């Protein structure tokens, strides 16, 4: 009984914080990023609705986009090399803005 009261209280505090974040700045915090990384490691990269259930105020699409655009360790975040840039320029000259 005591545990369920504590759980409900914690959920209310957590929900209030998420509503504040979504309404006023709509950004993720570092602990949310850490939690998404941890859940992806446990559940895989396909169960976004399940992952979002652990982040009140977030939907699966937001978690998926955060992972694929920012948190995935396979993302290359450095500047493009000269070789990569020349490949892009050549492709643009060949194909245009298609």
PDB file of N, CA and C in Angstrom:
ATOM      1  N   UNK A   1       0.830  -1.199   0.000  1.00  0.00           N
ATOM      2  CA  UNK A   1       0.000   0.000   0.000  1.00  0.00           C
ATOM      3  C   UNK A   1       0.873   1.263   0.000  1.00  0.00           C
ATOM      4  N   UNK A   2       1.852   1.289   0.900  1.00  0.00           N
ATOM      5  CA  UNK A   2       2.728   2.458   0.992  1.00  0.00           C
ATOM      6  C   UNK A   2       3.514   2.641  -0.300  1.00  0.00           C
ATOM      7  N   UNK A   3       3.944   1.513  -0.879  1.00  0.00           N
ATOM      8  CA  UNK A   3       4.708   1.594  -2.116  1.00  0.00           C
ATOM      9  C   UNK A   3       3.872   2.192  -3.237  1.00  0.00           C
ATOM     10  N   UNK A   4       2.599   1.786  -3.338  1.00  0.00           N
ATOM     11  CA  UNK A   4       1.765   2.306  -4.418  1.00  0.00           C
ATOM     12  C   UNK A   4       1.475   3.797  -4.223  1.00  0.00           C
ATOM     13  N   UNK A   5       1.337   4.271  -2.992  1.00  0.00           N
ATOM     14  CA  UNK A   5       1.144   5.699  -2.737  1.00  0.00           C
ATOM     15  C   UNK A   5       2.399   6.461  -3.146  1.00  0.00           C
ATOM     16  N   UNK A   6       3.561   5.936  -2.776  1.00  0.00           N
ATOM     17  CA  UNK A   6       4.826   6.565  -3.167  1.00  0.00           C
ATOM     18  C   UNK A   6       4.966   6.585  -4.679  1.00  0.00           C
ATOM     19  N   UNK A   7       4.583   5.486  -5.313  1.00  0.00           N
ATOM     20  CA  UNK A   7       4.676   5.388  -6.769  1.00  0.00           C
ATOM     21  C   UNK A   7       3.774   6.429  -7.439  1.00  0.00           C
ATOM     22  N   UNK A   8       2.555   6.594  -6.939  1.00  0.00           N
ATOM     23  CA  UNK A   8       1.635   7.581  -7.505  1.00  0.00           C
ATOM     24  C   UNK A   8       2.153   9.000  -7.299  1.00  0.00           C
ATOM     25  N   UNK A   9       2.703   9.267  -6.129  1.00  0.00           N
ATOM     26  CA  UNK A   9       3.255  10.589  -5.849  1.00  0.00           C
ATOM     27  C   UNK A   9       4.423  10.887  -6.770  1.00  0.00           C
ATOM     28  N   UNK A  10       5.308   9.914  -6.923  1.00  0.00           N
ATOM     29  CA  UNK A  10       6.466  10.101  -7.798  1.00  0.00           C
ATOM     30  C   UNK A  10       6.024  10.320  -9.243  1.00  0.00           C
ATOM     31  N   UNK A  11       5.013   9.563  -9.667  1.00  0.00           N
ATOM     32  CA  UNK A  11       4.506   9.714 -11.022  1.00  0.00           C
ATOM     33  C   UNK A  11       3.934  11.115 -11.240  1.00  0.00           C
ATOM     34  N   UNK A  12       3.238  11.646 -10.241  1.00  0.00           N
ATOM     35  CA  UNK A  12       2.667  12.991 -10.353  1.00  0.00           C
ATOM     36  C   UNK A  12       3.765  14.038 -10.467  1.00  0.00           C
ATOM     37  N   UNK A  13       4.829  13.904  -9.679  1.00  0.00           N
ATOM     38  CA  UNK A  13       5.952  14.841  -9.747  1.00  0.00           C
ATOM     39  C   UNK A  13       6.633  14.741 -11.108  1.00  0.00           C
ATOM     40  N   UNK A  14       6.848  13.533 -11.543  1.00  0.00           N
ATOM     41  CA  UNK A  14       7.506  13.287 -12.821  1.00  0.00           C
ATOM     42  C   UNK A  14       6.682  13.856 -13.970  1.00  0.00           C
ATOM     43  N   UNK A  15       5.367  13.623 -13.932  1.00  0.00           N
ATOM     44  CA  UNK A  15       4.479  14.112 -14.976  1.00  0.00           C
ATOM     45  C   UNK A  15       4.464  15.640 -15.009  1.00  0.00           C
ATOM     46  N   UNK A  16       4.450  16.269 -13.856  1.00  0.00           N
ATOM     47  CA  UNK A  16       4.464  17.726 -13.788  1.00  0.00           C
ATOM     48  C   UNK A  16       5.730  18.273 -14.422  1.00  0.00           C
ATOM     49  N   UNK A  17       6.871  17.650 -14.123  1.00  0.00           N
ATOM     50  CA  UNK A  17       8.139  18.092 -14.700  1.00  0.00           C
ATOM     51  C   UNK A  17       8.128  17.968 -16.219  1.00  0.00           C
ATOM     52  N   UNK A  18       7.615  16.849 -16.714  1.00  0.00           N
ATOM     53  CA  UNK A  18       7.580  16.661 -18.161  1.00  0.00           C
ATOM     54  C   UNK A  18       6.640  17.644 -18.838  1.00  0.00           C
ATOM     55  N   UNK A  19       5.511  17.918 -18.221  1.00  0.00           N
ATOM     56  CA  UNK A  19       4.591  18.900 -18.800  1.00  0.00           C
ATOM     57  C   UNK A  19       5.276  20.251 -18.865  1.00  0.00           C
ATOM     58  N   UNK A  20       6.006  20.612 -17.825  1.00  0.00           N
ATOM     59  CA  UNK A  20       6.756  21.870 -17.829  1.00  0.00           C
ATOM     60  C   UNK A  20       7.767  21.886 -18.984  1.00  0.00           C
ATOM     61  N   UNK A  21       8.522  20.811 -19.124  1.00  0.00           N
ATOM     62  CA  UNK A  21       9.548  20.750 -20.178  1.00  0.00           C
ATOM     63  C   UNK A  21       8.920  20.861 -21.563  1.00  0.00           C
ATOM     64  N   UNK A  22       7.819  20.171 -21.772  1.00  0.00           N
ATOM     65  CA  UNK A  22       7.192  20.167 -23.087  1.00  0.00           C
ATOM     66  C   UNK A  22       6.562  21.524 -23.385  1.00  0.00           C
ATOM     67  N   UNK A  23       5.903  22.110 -22.403  1.00  0.00           N
ATOM     68  CA  UNK A  23       5.198  23.376 -22.643  1.00  0.00           C
ATOM     69  C   UNK A  23       6.150  24.556 -22.800  1.00  0.00           C
ATOM     70  N   UNK A  24       7.225  24.572 -22.046  1.00  0.00           N
ATOM     71  CA  UNK A  24       8.042  25.770 -22.005  1.00  0.00           C
ATOM     72  C   UNK A  24       9.339  25.701 -22.803  1.00  0.00           C
ATOM     73  N   UNK A  25       9.893  24.538 -22.982  1.00  0.00           N
ATOM     74  CA  UNK A  25      11.127  24.515 -23.756  1.00  0.00           C
ATOM     75  C   UNK A  25      11.240  23.314 -24.692  1.00  0.00           C
ATOM     76  N   UNK A  26      10.415  22.321 -24.551  1.00  0.00           N
ATOM     77  CA  UNK A  26      10.348  21.171 -25.458  1.00  0.00           C
ATOM     78  C   UNK A  26      11.725  20.615 -25.810  1.00  0.00           C
ATOM     79  N   UNK A  27      12.583  20.543 -24.849  1.00  0.00           N
ATOM     80  CA  UNK A  27      13.908  19.975 -25.094  1.00  0.00           C
ATOM     81  C   UNK A  27      14.108  18.785 -24.162  1.00  0.00           C
ATOM     82  N   UNK A  28      15.080  17.988 -24.480  1.00  0.00           N
ATOM     83  CA  UNK A  28      15.366  16.843 -23.636  1.00  0.00           C
ATOM     84  C   UNK A  28      16.504  17.193 -22.685  1.00  0.00           C
ATOM     85  N   UNK A  29      16.486  16.556 -21.542  1.00  0.00           N
ATOM     86  CA  UNK A  29      17.552  16.724 -20.564  1.00  0.00           C
ATOM     87  C   UNK A  29      18.555  15.595 -20.721  1.00  0.00           C
ATOM     88  N   UNK A  30      19.702  15.768 -20.103  1.00  0.00           N
ATOM     89  CA  UNK A  30      20.750  14.761 -20.199  1.00  0.00           C
ATOM     90  C   UNK A  30      20.292  13.419 -19.638  1.00  0.00           C
ATOM     91  N   UNK A  31      19.519  13.451 -18.557  1.00  0.00           N
ATOM     92  CA  UNK A  31      19.062  12.182 -17.962  1.00  0.00           C
ATOM     93  C   UNK A  31      18.070  11.479 -18.890  1.00  0.00           C
ATOM     94  N   UNK A  32      17.298  12.240 -19.673  1.00  0.00           N
ATOM     95  CA  UNK A  32      16.409  11.609 -20.650  1.00  0.00           C
ATOM     96  C   UNK A  32      17.214  10.931 -21.744  1.00  0.00           C
ATOM     97  N   UNK A  33      18.264  11.592 -22.196  1.00  0.00           N
ATOM     98  CA  UNK A  33      19.136  10.991 -23.204  1.00  0.00           C
ATOM     99  C   UNK A  33      19.777   9.714 -22.675  1.00  0.00           C
ATOM    100  N   UNK A  34      20.249   9.761 -21.436  1.00  0.00           N
ATOM    101  CA  UNK A  34      20.854   8.571 -20.833  1.00  0.00           C
ATOM    102  C   UNK A  34      19.844   7.433 -20.740  1.00  0.00           C
ATOM    103  N   UNK A  35      18.607   7.773 -20.364  1.00  0.00           N
ATOM    104  CA  UNK A  35      17.576   6.753 -20.240  1.00  0.00           C
ATOM    105  C   UNK A  35      17.230   6.153 -21.601  1.00  0.00           C
ATOM    106  N   UNK A  36      17.147   6.986 -22.634  1.00  0.00           N
ATOM    107  CA  UNK A  36      16.874   6.472 -23.979  1.00  0.00           C
ATOM    108  C   UNK A  36      17.987   5.523 -24.413  1.00  0.00           C
ATOM    109  N   UNK A  37      19.243   5.902 -24.179  1.00  0.00           N
ATOM    110  CA  UNK A  37      20.372   5.033 -24.553  1.00  0.00           C
ATOM    111  C   UNK A  37      20.314   3.706 -23.807  1.00  0.00           C
ATOM    112  N   UNK A  38      19.992   3.772 -22.531  1.00  0.00           N
ATOM    113  CA  UNK A  38      19.904   2.555 -21.717  1.00  0.00           C
ATOM    114  C   UNK A  38      18.763   1.655 -22.207  1.00  0.00           C
ATOM    115  N   UNK A  39      17.623   2.239 -22.503  1.00  0.00           N
ATOM    116  CA  UNK A  39      16.478   1.449 -22.963  1.00  0.00           C
ATOM    117  C   UNK A  39      16.711   0.871 -24.358  1.00  0.00           C
ATOM    118  N   UNK A  40      17.390   1.603 -25.219  1.00  0.00           N
ATOM    119  CA  UNK A  40      17.711   1.077 -26.552  1.00  0.00           C
ATOM    120  C   UNK A  40      18.654  -0.112 -26.417  1.00  0.00           C
ATOM    121  N   UNK A  41      19.605  -0.031 -25.488  1.00  0.00           N
ATOM    122  CA  UNK A  41      20.527  -1.143 -25.269  1.00  0.00           C
ATOM    123  C   UNK A  41      19.776  -2.384 -24.775  1.00  0.00           C
ATOM    124  N   UNK A  42      18.746  -2.186 -23.963  1.00  0.00           N
ATOM    125  CA  UNK A  42      17.978  -3.316 -23.423  1.00  0.00           C
ATOM    126  C   UNK A  42      16.937  -3.840 -24.404  1.00  0.00           C
ATOM    127  N   UNK A  43      16.190  -2.924 -25.031  1.00  0.00           N
ATOM    128  CA  UNK A  43      15.015  -3.326 -25.809  1.00  0.00           C
ATOM    129  C   UNK A  43      15.239  -3.308 -27.319  1.00  0.00           C
ATOM    130  N   UNK A  44      16.319  -2.726 -27.759  1.00  0.00           N
ATOM    131  CA  UNK A  44      16.581  -2.679 -29.191  1.00  0.00           C
ATOM    132  C   UNK A  44      16.072  -1.403 -29.830  1.00  0.00           C
ATOM    133  N   UNK A  45      16.325  -1.273 -31.144  1.00  0.00           N
ATOM    134  CA  UNK A  45      16.019  -0.045 -31.871  1.00  0.00           C
ATOM    135  C   UNK A  45      14.672  -0.100 -32.587  1.00  0.00           C
ATOM    136  N   UNK A  46      13.795  -1.004 -32.207  1.00  0.00           N
ATOM    137  CA  UNK A  46      12.519  -1.152 -32.896  1.00  0.00           C
ATOM    138  C   UNK A  46      11.312  -0.883 -31.995  1.00  0.00           C
ATOM    139  N   UNK A  47      11.456  -0.944 -30.694  1.00  0.00           N
ATOM    140  CA  UNK A  47      10.312  -0.853 -29.780  1.00  0.00           C
ATOM    141  C   UNK A  47      10.181   0.553 -29.201  1.00  0.00           C
ATOM    142  N   UNK A  48       9.954   1.533 -30.069  1.00  0.00           N
ATOM    143  CA  UNK A  48       9.944   2.930 -29.644  1.00  0.00           C
ATOM    144  C   UNK A  48       8.751   3.262 -28.771  1.00  0.00           C
ATOM    145  N   UNK A  49       7.604   2.638 -29.020  1.00  0.00           N
ATOM    146  CA  UNK A  49       6.443   2.886 -28.159  1.00  0.00           C
ATOM    147  C   UNK A  49       6.693   2.366 -26.749  1.00  0.00           C
ATOM    148  N   UNK A  50       7.354   1.230 -26.641  1.00  0.00           N
ATOM    149  CA  UNK A  50       7.696   0.689 -25.325  1.00  0.00           C
ATOM    150  C   UNK A  50       8.703   1.591 -24.617  1.00  0.00           C
ATOM    151  N   UNK A  51       9.666   2.092 -25.339  1.00  0.00           N
ATOM    152  CA  UNK A  51      10.669   2.986 -24.767  1.00  0.00           C
ATOM    153  C   UNK A  51      10.018   4.274 -24.296  1.00  0.00           C
ATOM    154  N   UNK A  52       9.075   4.797 -25.073  1.00  0.00           N
ATOM    155  CA  UNK A  52       8.434   6.064 -24.700  1.00  0.00           C
ATOM    156  C   UNK A  52       7.583   5.938 -23.448  1.00  0.00           C
ATOM    157  N   UNK A  53       7.129   4.735 -23.113  1.00  0.00           N
ATOM    158  CA  UNK A  53       6.339   4.546 -21.893  1.00  0.00           C
ATOM    159  C   UNK A  53       7.153   4.846 -20.637  1.00  0.00           C
ATOM    160  N   UNK A  54       8.462   4.762 -20.738  1.00  0.00           N
ATOM    161  CA  UNK A  54       9.332   5.069 -19.604  1.00  0.00           C
ATOM    162  C   UNK A  54       9.630   6.560 -19.508  1.00  0.00           C
ATOM    163  N   UNK A  55       9.252   7.316 -20.527  1.00  0.00           N
ATOM    164  CA  UNK A  55       9.488   8.766 -20.553  1.00  0.00           C
ATOM    165  C   UNK A  55       8.142   9.467 -20.679  1.00  0.00           C
ATOM    166  N   UNK A  56       7.536   9.790 -19.560  1.00  0.00           N
ATOM    167  CA  UNK A  56       6.234  10.430 -19.582  1.00  0.00           C
ATOM    168  C   UNK A  56       6.327  11.757 -20.327  1.00  0.00           C
ATOM    169  N   UNK A  57       5.359  11.992 -21.174  1.00  0.00           N
ATOM    170  CA  UNK A  57       5.349  13.212 -21.952  1.00  0.00           C
ATOM    171  C   UNK A  57       6.055  13.086 -23.289  1.00  0.00           C
ATOM    172  N   UNK A  58       6.617  11.932 -23.574  1.00  0.00           N
ATOM    173  CA  UNK A  58       7.278  11.697 -24.865  1.00  0.00           C
ATOM    174  C   UNK A  58       6.548  10.580 -25.597  1.00  0.00           C
ATOM    175  N   UNK A  59       6.551  10.670 -26.912  1.00  0.00           N
ATOM    176  CA  UNK A  59       5.965   9.604 -27.725  1.00  0.00           C
ATOM    177  C   UNK A  59       7.085   8.859 -28.432  1.00  0.00           C
ATOM    178  N   UNK A  60       6.739   7.705 -28.981  1.00  0.00           N
ATOM    179  CA  UNK A  60       7.739   6.868 -29.624  1.00  0.00           C
ATOM    180  C   UNK A  60       8.496   7.575 -30.733  1.00  0.00           C
ATOM    181  N   UNK A  61       7.784   8.397 -31.516  1.00  0.00           N
ATOM    182  CA  UNK A  61       8.426   9.107 -32.619  1.00  0.00           C
ATOM    183  C   UNK A  61       9.500  10.058 -32.118  1.00  0.00           C
ATOM    184  N   UNK A  62       9.245  10.744 -30.996  1.00  0.00           N
ATOM    185  CA  UNK A  62      10.236  11.661 -30.435  1.00  0.00           C
ATOM    186  C   UNK A  62      11.480  10.902 -29.970  1.00  0.00           C
ATOM    187  N   UNK A  63      11.271   9.754 -29.327  1.00  0.00           N
ATOM    188  CA  UNK A  63      12.402   8.946 -28.852  1.00  0.00           C
ATOM    189  C   UNK A  63      13.219   8.421 -30.025  1.00  0.00           C
ATOM    190  N   UNK A  64      12.520   7.934 -31.061  1.00  0.00           N
ATOM    191  CA  UNK A  64      13.200   7.398 -32.247  1.00  0.00           C
ATOM    192  C   UNK A  64      14.023   8.482 -32.938  1.00  0.00           C
ATOM    193  N   UNK A  65      13.424   9.654 -33.121  1.00  0.00           N
ATOM    194  CA  UNK A  65      14.146  10.734 -33.788  1.00  0.00           C
ATOM    195  C   UNK A  65      15.324  11.215 -32.955  1.00  0.00           C
ATOM    196  N   UNK A  66      15.159  11.280 -31.644  1.00  0.00           N
ATOM    197  CA  UNK A  66      16.268  11.689 -30.769  1.00  0.00           C
ATOM    198  C   UNK A  66      17.421  10.691 -30.907  1.00  0.00           C
ATOM    199  N   UNK A  67      17.099   9.404 -30.948  1.00  0.00           N
ATOM    200  CA  UNK A  67      18.132   8.379 -31.075  1.00  0.00           C
ATOM    201  C   UNK A  67      18.848   8.482 -32.425  1.00  0.00           C
ATOM    202  N   UNK A  68      18.059   8.491 -33.502  1.00  0.00           N
ATOM    203  CA  UNK A  68      18.663   8.443 -34.833  1.00  0.00           C
ATOM    204  C   UNK A  68      19.385   9.733 -35.216  1.00  0.00           C
ATOM    205  N   UNK A  69      18.946  10.867 -34.684  1.00  0.00           N
ATOM    206  CA  UNK A  69      19.548  12.145 -35.074  1.00  0.00           C
ATOM    207  C   UNK A  69      20.625  12.653 -34.123  1.00  0.00           C
ATOM    208  N   UNK A  70      20.659  12.151 -32.881  1.00  0.00           N
ATOM    209  CA  UNK A  70      21.583  12.728 -31.910  1.00  0.00           C
ATOM    210  C   UNK A  70      22.337  11.719 -31.048  1.00  0.00           C
ATOM    211  N   UNK A  71      21.679  10.648 -30.617  1.00  0.00           N
ATOM    212  CA  UNK A  71      22.260   9.785 -29.583  1.00  0.00           C
ATOM    213  C   UNK A  71      22.975   8.549 -30.113  1.00  0.00           C
ATOM    214  N   UNK A  72      22.656   8.104 -31.290  1.00  0.00           N
ATOM    215  CA  UNK A  72      23.248   6.901 -31.857  1.00  0.00           C
ATOM    216  C   UNK A  72      24.772   7.070 -31.940  1.00  0.00           C
ATOM    217  N   UNK A  73      25.534   6.169 -31.310  1.00  0.00           N
ATOM    218  CA  UNK A  73      26.993   6.319 -31.326  1.00  0.00           C
ATOM    219  C   UNK A  73      27.615   6.131 -32.713  1.00  0.00           C
ATOM    220  N   UNK A  74      26.864   5.603 -33.670  1.00  0.00           N
ATOM    221  CA  UNK A  74      27.390   5.412 -35.022  1.00  0.00           C
ATOM    222  C   UNK A  74      27.314   6.675 -35.871  1.00  0.00           C
ATOM    223  N   UNK A  75      26.692   7.716 -35.342  1.00  0.00           N
ATOM    224  CA  UNK A  75      26.592   8.974 -36.083  1.00  0.00           C
ATOM    225  C   UNK A  75      27.961   9.643 -36.112  1.00  0.00           C
ATOM    226  N   UNK A  76      28.364  10.058 -37.291  1.00  0.00           N
ATOM    227  CA  UNK A  76      29.627  10.775 -37.435  1.00  0.00           C
ATOM    228  C   UNK A  76      29.345  12.262 -37.233  1.00  0.00           C
ATOM    229  N   UNK A  77      29.934  12.846 -36.207  1.00  0.00           N
ATOM    230  CA  UNK A  77      29.646  14.239 -35.863  1.00  0.00           C
ATOM    231  C   UNK A  77      30.780  15.194 -36.223  1.00  0.00           C
ATOM    232  N   UNK A  78      31.783  14.693 -36.877  1.00  0.00           N
ATOM    233  CA  UNK A  78      32.902  15.542 -37.260  1.00  0.00           C
ATOM    234  C   UNK A  78      32.618  16.199 -38.610  1.00  0.00           C
ATOM    235  N   UNK A  79      33.439  17.148 -38.970  1.00  0.00           N
ATOM    236  CA  UNK A  79      33.284  17.839 -40.252  1.00  0.00           C
ATOM    237  C   UNK A  79      33.573  16.870 -41.400  1.00  0.00           C
ATOM    238  N   UNK A  80      33.020  17.189 -42.564  1.00  0.00           N
ATOM    239  CA  UNK A  80      33.265  16.362 -43.735  1.00  0.00           C
ATOM    240  C   UNK A  80      34.702  16.492 -44.178  1.00  0.00           C
ATOM    241  N   UNK A  81      35.230  15.376 -44.664  1.00  0.00           N
ATOM    242  CA  UNK A  81      36.597  15.398 -45.183  1.00  0.00           C
ATOM    243  C   UNK A  81      36.573  16.015 -46.586  1.00  0.00           C
ATOM    244  N   UNK A  82      37.739  16.373 -47.079  1.00  0.00           N
ATOM    245  CA  UNK A  82      37.844  16.925 -48.441  1.00  0.00           C
ATOM    246  C   UNK A  82      37.352  15.909 -49.470  1.00  0.00           C
ATOM    247  N   UNK A  83      37.663  14.626 -49.219  1.00  0.00           N
ATOM    248  CA  UNK A  83      37.239  13.568 -50.130  1.00  0.00           C
ATOM    249  C   UNK A  83      35.712  13.470 -50.177  1.00  0.00           C
ATOM    250  N   UNK A  84      35.070  13.496 -49.007  1.00  0.00           N
ATOM    251  CA  UNK A  84      33.616  13.429 -48.953  1.00  0.00           C
ATOM    252  C   UNK A  84      32.984  14.649 -49.637  1.00  0.00           C
ATOM    253  N   UNK A  85      33.562  15.793 -49.408  1.00  0.00           N
ATOM    254  CA  UNK A  85      33.041  17.010 -50.014  1.00  0.00           C
ATOM    255  C   UNK A  85      33.163  16.969 -51.543  1.00  0.00           C
ATOM    256  N   UNK A  86      34.278  16.456 -52.043  1.00  0.00           N
ATOM    257  CA  UNK A  86      34.441  16.363 -53.503  1.00  0.00           C
ATOM    258  C   UNK A  86      33.463  15.356 -54.098  1.00  0.00           C
ATOM    259  N   UNK A  87      33.158  14.282 -53.381  1.00  0.00           N
ATOM    260  CA  UNK A  87      32.159  13.305 -53.855  1.00  0.00           C
ATOM    261  C   UNK A  87      30.799  13.976 -53.972  1.00  0.00           C
ATOM    262  N   UNK A  88      30.451  14.778 -52.970  1.00  0.00           N
ATOM    263  CA  UNK A  88      29.168  15.489 -53.010  1.00  0.00           C
ATOM    264  C   UNK A  88      29.107  16.489 -54.158  1.00  0.00           C
ATOM    265  N   UNK A  89      30.164  17.215 -54.359  1.00  0.00           N
ATOM    266  CA  UNK A  89      30.197  18.207 -55.446  1.00  0.00           C
ATOM    267  C   UNK A  89      30.068  17.516 -56.794  1.00  0.00           C
ATOM    268  N   UNK A  90      30.789  16.408 -56.962  1.00  0.00           N
ATOM    269  CA  UNK A  90      30.703  15.655 -58.226  1.00  0.00           C
ATOM    270  C   UNK A  90      29.295  15.119 -58.457  1.00  0.00           C
ATOM    271  N   UNK A  91      28.690  14.575 -57.399  1.00  0.00           N
ATOM    272  CA  UNK A  91      27.331  14.040 -57.520  1.00  0.00           C
ATOM    273  C   UNK A  91      26.339  15.150 -57.828  1.00  0.00           C
ATOM    274  N   UNK A  92      26.531  16.304 -57.229  1.00  0.00           N
ATOM    275  CA  UNK A  92      25.636  17.429 -57.496  1.00  0.00           C
ATOM    276  C   UNK A  92      25.767  17.911 -58.934  1.00  0.00           C
ATOM    277  N   UNK A  93      26.986  17.941 -59.448  1.00  0.00           N
ATOM    278  CA  UNK A  93      27.178  18.333 -60.840  1.00  0.00           C
ATOM    279  C   UNK A  93      26.536  17.338 -61.788  1.00  0.00           C
ATOM    280  N   UNK A  94      26.563  16.062 -61.411  1.00  0.00           N
ATOM    281  CA  UNK A  94      26.017  15.020 -62.266  1.00  0.00           C
ATOM    282  C   UNK A  94      24.484  14.968 -62.195  1.00  0.00           C
ATOM    283  N   UNK A  95      23.907  15.049 -60.975  1.00  0.00           N
ATOM    284  CA  UNK A  95      22.481  14.835 -60.785  1.00  0.00           C
ATOM    285  C   UNK A  95      21.690  16.116 -60.471  1.00  0.00           C
ATOM    286  N   UNK A  96      22.341  17.172 -60.056  1.00  0.00           N
ATOM    287  CA  UNK A  96      21.623  18.398 -59.718  1.00  0.00           C
ATOM    288  C   UNK A  96      20.952  18.317 -58.363  1.00  0.00           C
ATOM    289  N   UNK A  97      19.860  19.055 -58.219  1.00  0.00           N
ATOM    290  CA  UNK A  97      19.144  19.133 -56.937  1.00  0.00           C
ATOM    291  C   UNK A  97      17.980  18.157 -56.833  1.00  0.00           C
ATOM    292  N   UNK A  98      18.039  17.040 -57.508  1.00  0.00           N
ATOM    293  CA  UNK A  98      16.939  16.079 -57.495  1.00  0.00           C
ATOM    294  C   UNK A  98      16.673  15.544 -56.127  1.00  0.00           C
TER     295      UNK A  98
END
